[in-house]
């Protein structure tokens, strides 16, 4: 399964990539929403997006809304990765089309559970 990781932190991208690869999936990384949109076109078959909230150029919520308006990508499940637990922001992301959210830092097992819920139909 191809999993796209969108995060402006190179360290966080690498940590999440390692977890994804450890779980037996292919990781595709992007540093912000603009690059992620480009990579969605370059890497067909992305089955899941792990999306940071705060990023330059195009943040997570704007990227999420853009993707959910594109017929070719609107059905890709999205897990928002956040640094805080602002309930209002989480609700906003879910209303925009995110399937789940996960607060950083997180354990690999927690991410694996969220991934299984998204691709397994929780």
Protein backbone atom coordinates (compact mmCIF):
# COMPACT_ATOMS: atom_id res chain seq x y z
CA UNK A 1 0.00 0.00 0.00
CA UNK A 2 1.26 3.51 -0.82
CA UNK A 3 1.07 5.95 2.08
CA UNK A 4 1.77 9.65 1.57
CA UNK A 5 3.33 11.54 4.48
CA UNK A 6 2.89 15.31 4.33
CA UNK A 7 4.84 17.19 7.00
CA UNK A 8 7.18 20.17 6.90
CA UNK A 9 9.45 18.63 9.53
CA UNK A 10 12.11 16.48 7.85
CA UNK A 11 12.67 14.61 11.11
CA UNK A 12 8.97 13.81 11.54
CA UNK A 13 8.69 12.73 7.89
CA UNK A 14 11.62 10.35 8.33
CA UNK A 15 10.28 8.91 11.60
CA UNK A 16 6.85 8.30 10.06
CA UNK A 17 8.42 6.90 6.87
CA UNK A 18 10.32 4.37 8.97
CA UNK A 19 7.13 3.32 10.75
CA UNK A 20 5.27 2.98 7.44
CA UNK A 21 8.06 0.89 5.94
CA UNK A 22 8.28 -1.21 9.12
CA UNK A 23 4.56 -1.95 8.64
CA UNK A 24 5.32 -3.18 5.12
CA UNK A 25 3.97 -0.20 3.19
CA UNK A 26 5.55 2.16 0.66
CA UNK A 27 6.11 5.70 1.94
CA UNK A 28 5.89 8.78 -0.27
CA UNK A 29 6.91 12.03 1.43
CA UNK A 30 6.06 15.68 0.77
CA UNK A 31 7.11 18.78 2.72
CA UNK A 32 3.83 20.71 2.31
CA UNK A 33 0.45 20.68 0.61
CA UNK A 34 1.74 22.09 -2.68
CA UNK A 35 4.34 19.36 -3.07
CA UNK A 36 1.81 16.74 -1.93
CA UNK A 37 -0.63 17.74 -4.67
CA UNK A 38 2.17 17.37 -7.23
CA UNK A 39 3.17 13.98 -5.85
CA UNK A 40 -0.40 12.70 -5.91
CA UNK A 41 -0.26 13.13 -9.69
CA UNK A 42 3.23 11.58 -9.95
CA UNK A 43 2.50 8.56 -7.73
CA UNK A 44 -0.86 7.04 -8.65
CA UNK A 45 -2.39 4.61 -6.23
CA UNK A 46 -1.85 6.44 -2.95
CA UNK A 47 -4.15 4.63 -0.53
CA UNK A 48 -3.74 6.80 2.59
CA UNK A 49 -2.48 10.27 3.48
CA UNK A 50 -0.91 11.20 6.82
CA UNK A 51 -1.23 14.97 6.97
CA UNK A 52 0.36 17.56 9.25
CA UNK A 53 -1.75 20.56 10.15
CA UNK A 54 0.77 23.42 10.21
CA UNK A 55 2.93 23.78 7.07
CA UNK A 56 4.19 26.63 4.89
CA UNK A 57 2.79 27.39 1.41
CA UNK A 58 -0.28 25.17 1.86
CA UNK A 59 -1.31 23.91 5.28
CA UNK A 60 -3.02 20.66 6.08
CA UNK A 61 -6.59 21.89 6.19
CA UNK A 62 -6.30 23.71 2.86
CA UNK A 63 -4.69 20.62 1.29
CA UNK A 64 -7.42 18.39 2.75
CA UNK A 65 -10.19 20.57 1.34
CA UNK A 66 -8.48 20.71 -2.05
CA UNK A 67 -8.01 16.93 -2.25
CA UNK A 68 -11.58 16.20 -1.18
CA UNK A 69 -12.82 18.33 -4.11
CA UNK A 70 -10.84 16.31 -6.67
CA UNK A 71 -12.75 13.28 -7.96
CA UNK A 72 -9.53 11.33 -8.57
CA UNK A 73 -8.39 11.70 -4.96
CA UNK A 74 -11.47 12.45 -2.85
CA UNK A 75 -11.82 8.88 -1.59
CA UNK A 76 -8.29 8.63 -0.18
CA UNK A 77 -8.57 8.43 3.62
CA UNK A 78 -6.67 11.11 5.53
CA UNK A 79 -5.29 11.00 9.07
CA UNK A 80 -4.46 14.45 10.45
CA UNK A 81 -1.29 14.61 12.52
CA UNK A 82 -1.50 17.41 15.07
CA UNK A 83 0.73 18.74 17.84
CA UNK A 84 -2.15 19.84 20.03
CA UNK A 85 -5.53 18.57 21.07
CA UNK A 86 -7.66 21.55 20.02
CA UNK A 87 -11.09 19.93 19.74
CA UNK A 88 -12.43 22.68 17.45
CA UNK A 89 -9.63 22.10 14.95
CA UNK A 90 -10.14 18.34 15.04
CA UNK A 91 -13.85 18.76 14.34
CA UNK A 92 -13.03 21.15 11.49
CA UNK A 93 -10.69 18.56 9.94
CA UNK A 94 -13.25 15.75 10.28
CA UNK A 95 -15.92 17.98 8.70
CA UNK A 96 -13.49 18.73 5.84
CA UNK A 97 -13.08 15.01 5.18
CA UNK A 98 -10.35 13.66 7.48
CA UNK A 99 -11.08 10.16 8.68
CA UNK A 100 -9.04 10.30 11.90
CA UNK A 101 -6.55 12.43 13.78
CA UNK A 102 -3.49 11.57 15.79
CA UNK A 103 -1.65 13.80 18.27
CA UNK A 104 2.14 13.96 17.99
CA UNK A 105 4.20 12.42 19.42
CA UNK A 106 2.63 9.01 19.01
CA UNK A 107 3.69 5.40 19.33
CA UNK A 108 4.15 3.26 16.20
CA UNK A 109 1.42 0.91 17.46
CA UNK A 110 -1.05 3.80 17.69
CA UNK A 111 -0.31 4.84 14.11
CA UNK A 112 -0.65 1.23 12.96
CA UNK A 113 -4.07 1.03 14.63
CA UNK A 114 -5.27 4.26 12.97
CA UNK A 115 -4.03 3.03 9.58
CA UNK A 116 -5.87 -0.27 10.03
CA UNK A 117 -9.04 1.63 10.96
CA UNK A 118 -8.78 3.75 7.81
CA UNK A 119 -8.01 1.05 5.29
CA UNK A 120 -9.96 -1.67 7.08
CA UNK A 121 -13.17 0.32 7.36
CA UNK A 122 -13.14 0.72 11.18
